[in-house]
Amino acid sequence: MVSDGIDRLGFLIHDVQRLMRKRFEARASGFGLSSAQWRLLVRVAKEAGVAQARLAELLEIEPISVSRLVDRMEEGGWIERRQDATDRRVRMIFPTEKANAAYAEVKSLAGEVYEESLAGVSPQDRRTLIRTLDTIVQNLTDGEASSLEKMKNTEGAAA
């Protein structure tokens, strides 16, 4: 049977994600944060004031795990917890200046990793890749906005 490679799609997507994460973590190791802590820091930097329970949903991990991550990151001076003004049971998470500065550096490191990963890929093929991946996300999403849609909405709001 002749294959167009579609049977490898899941493996390729997984391998790309794993290799990019590994390359990024090697570059960002000087900050002393784990992969899970980086993910949390990026979410908090993008969504300052996010509820701790919402972080668990966004990171797709158990609330108790988020609580432990937040504890460690708060102790390290990366984030701070504040009570919600309308509901004292809700804990809102905010980045500190330390986190914001690290996030700026991280964006630069991520850009370098992206450029390395896309070396030899034409600008047109890059756009096609992003559109195709976004279409796949849309096909598999149950009413959630894709990452690309969220970026477009954020950029539109900022303009």
Protein backbone atom coordinates (compact mmCIF):
# COMPACT_ATOMS: atom_id res chain seq x y z
CA MET A 1 0.00 0.00 0.00
CA VAL A 2 1.29 3.44 -0.94
CA SER A 3 1.19 5.96 1.90
CA ASP A 4 1.34 9.75 1.71
CA GLY A 5 2.80 9.78 5.21
CA ILE A 6 -0.49 10.59 6.92
CA ASP A 7 -0.09 7.52 9.11
CA ARG A 8 2.90 9.27 10.73
CA LEU A 9 1.13 12.59 11.42
CA GLY A 10 0.61 12.11 15.15
CA PHE A 11 4.17 10.87 15.66
CA LEU A 12 5.62 13.78 13.69
CA ILE A 13 3.61 16.39 15.61
CA HIS A 14 4.60 14.77 18.90
CA ASP A 15 8.29 14.57 17.91
CA VAL A 16 8.38 18.20 16.78
CA GLN A 17 6.82 19.34 20.07
CA ARG A 18 9.18 17.17 22.13
CA LEU A 19 12.31 18.28 20.26
CA MET A 20 11.35 21.97 20.37
CA ARG A 21 10.62 21.72 24.11
CA LYS A 22 13.95 19.97 24.71
CA ARG A 23 15.86 22.64 22.76
CA PHE A 24 14.01 25.44 24.55
CA GLU A 25 14.59 23.91 28.00
CA ALA A 26 18.32 23.61 27.28
CA ARG A 27 18.46 27.31 26.37
CA ALA A 28 16.32 28.46 29.28
CA SER A 29 17.95 26.27 31.93
CA GLY A 30 19.75 29.25 33.48
CA PHE A 31 16.49 30.48 34.98
CA GLY A 32 16.15 27.34 37.10
CA LEU A 33 12.53 26.67 36.20
CA SER A 34 11.05 23.30 35.28
CA SER A 35 9.03 22.77 32.11
CA ALA A 36 5.80 22.91 34.13
CA GLN A 37 6.90 26.14 35.81
CA TRP A 38 7.70 27.70 32.41
CA ARG A 39 4.28 26.79 31.12
CA LEU A 40 2.66 28.37 34.18
CA LEU A 41 4.84 31.49 33.97
CA VAL A 42 3.97 32.03 30.30
CA ARG A 43 0.25 31.66 31.01
CA VAL A 44 0.41 34.09 33.92
CA ALA A 45 2.49 36.59 31.93
CA LYS A 46 -0.07 36.50 29.12
CA GLU A 47 -3.10 36.52 31.42
CA ALA A 48 -2.15 38.47 34.54
CA GLY A 49 -4.80 38.01 37.20
CA VAL A 50 -5.87 34.57 36.04
CA ALA A 51 -7.70 32.52 38.66
CA GLN A 52 -5.70 29.63 40.07
CA ALA A 53 -8.50 27.19 39.17
CA ARG A 54 -8.48 28.45 35.57
CA LEU A 55 -4.71 27.85 35.41
CA ALA A 56 -5.34 24.20 36.16
CA GLU A 57 -7.74 24.05 33.20
CA LEU A 58 -5.39 25.92 30.87
CA LEU A 59 -2.39 23.77 31.81
CA GLU A 60 -4.50 20.60 31.82
CA ILE A 61 -3.24 19.50 35.22
CA GLU A 62 -4.92 18.82 38.54
CA PRO A 63 -5.71 21.83 40.79
CA ILE A 64 -3.51 20.42 43.59
CA SER A 65 -0.57 20.26 41.18
CA VAL A 66 -1.14 23.88 40.17
CA SER A 67 -1.30 24.82 43.83
CA ARG A 68 2.10 23.23 44.45
CA LEU A 69 3.59 24.88 41.37
CA VAL A 70 2.21 28.25 42.44
CA ASP A 71 3.62 27.73 45.96
CA ARG A 72 7.12 27.07 44.59
CA MET A 73 6.96 29.93 42.11
CA GLU A 74 5.68 32.34 44.74
CA GLU A 75 8.54 31.33 47.04
CA GLY A 76 10.96 31.99 44.16
CA GLY A 77 9.55 35.47 43.59
CA TRP A 78 8.09 34.68 40.17
CA ILE A 79 4.41 35.23 40.91
CA GLU A 80 2.11 36.56 43.59
CA ARG A 81 -1.33 35.49 44.73
CA ARG A 82 -4.10 37.96 45.42
CA GLN A 83 -7.64 37.41 46.57
CA ASP A 84 -10.35 38.23 44.08
CA ALA A 85 -12.14 41.46 44.98
CA THR A 86 -15.57 39.89 44.56
CA ASP A 87 -14.97 36.36 45.89
CA ARG A 88 -12.45 35.81 48.70
CA ARG A 89 -12.30 32.08 47.92
CA VAL A 90 -10.79 32.79 44.49
CA ARG A 91 -7.03 33.27 44.25
CA MET A 92 -5.79 35.39 41.36
CA ILE A 93 -2.24 34.88 40.07
CA PHE A 94 -0.09 37.78 38.88
CA PRO A 95 3.45 37.85 37.48
CA THR A 96 6.13 39.77 39.35
CA GLU A 97 8.62 42.08 37.65
CA LYS A 98 11.08 39.18 37.78
CA ALA A 99 8.61 37.03 35.82
CA ASN A 100 7.88 39.77 33.28
CA ALA A 101 11.60 40.27 32.64
CA ALA A 102 12.14 36.52 32.25
CA TYR A 103 9.14 36.27 29.94
CA ALA A 104 10.64 38.89 27.63
CA GLU A 105 13.86 36.86 27.44
CA VAL A 106 11.91 33.64 26.96
CA LYS A 107 10.06 35.06 23.98
CA SER A 108 13.42 35.80 22.39
CA LEU A 109 14.73 32.30 23.16
CA ALA A 110 11.55 30.74 21.78
CA GLY A 111 11.94 32.81 18.61
CA GLU A 112 15.47 31.44 18.17
CA VAL A 113 14.22 27.86 18.60
CA TYR A 114 11.42 28.49 16.09
CA GLU A 115 13.88 29.88 13.56
CA GLU A 116 16.20 26.90 14.02
CA SER A 117 13.29 24.49 13.62
CA LEU A 118 12.09 26.23 10.46
CA ALA A 119 15.52 26.61 8.81
CA GLY A 120 15.18 25.82 5.12
CA VAL A 121 11.39 26.29 5.15
CA SER A 122 10.26 29.06 2.81
CA PRO A 123 8.09 31.91 4.13
CA GLN A 124 5.19 30.61 2.01
CA ASP A 125 5.57 27.08 3.41
CA ARG A 126 5.75 28.51 6.95
CA ARG A 127 2.41 30.29 6.43
CA THR A 128 0.93 27.11 4.94
CA LEU A 129 2.19 25.08 7.91
CA ILE A 130 0.62 27.46 10.43
CA ARG A 131 -2.68 27.60 8.55
CA THR A 132 -2.75 23.81 8.24
CA LEU A 133 -2.00 23.24 11.91
CA ASP A 134 -4.65 25.79 12.84
CA THR A 135 -7.16 23.95 10.65
CA ILE A 136 -6.29 20.69 12.41
CA VAL A 137 -6.82 22.39 15.76
CA GLN A 138 -10.19 23.73 14.58
CA ASN A 139 -11.21 20.28 13.38
CA LEU A 140 -10.43 18.79 16.78
CA THR A 141 -11.64 21.60 19.03
CA ASP A 142 -15.00 21.51 20.75
CA GLY A 143 -15.97 25.17 20.59
CA GLU A 144 -12.69 26.48 22.05
CA ALA A 145 -10.78 29.20 20.24
CA SER A 146 -7.53 28.01 18.71
CA SER A 147 -4.20 29.57 19.67
CA LEU A 148 -4.09 31.40 16.34
CA GLU A 149 -7.59 32.80 16.83
CA LYS A 150 -6.68 33.93 20.35
CA MET A 151 -3.57 35.70 19.00
CA LYS A 152 -5.62 37.40 16.26
CA ASN A 153 -8.22 38.52 18.83
CA THR A 154 -5.49 39.85 21.14
CA GLU A 155 -3.73 41.67 18.28
CA GLY A 156 -7.03 43.14 17.08
CA ALA A 157 -7.84 44.39 20.57
CA ALA A 158 -4.39 45.95 20.91
CA ALA A 159 -4.65 47.82 17.60
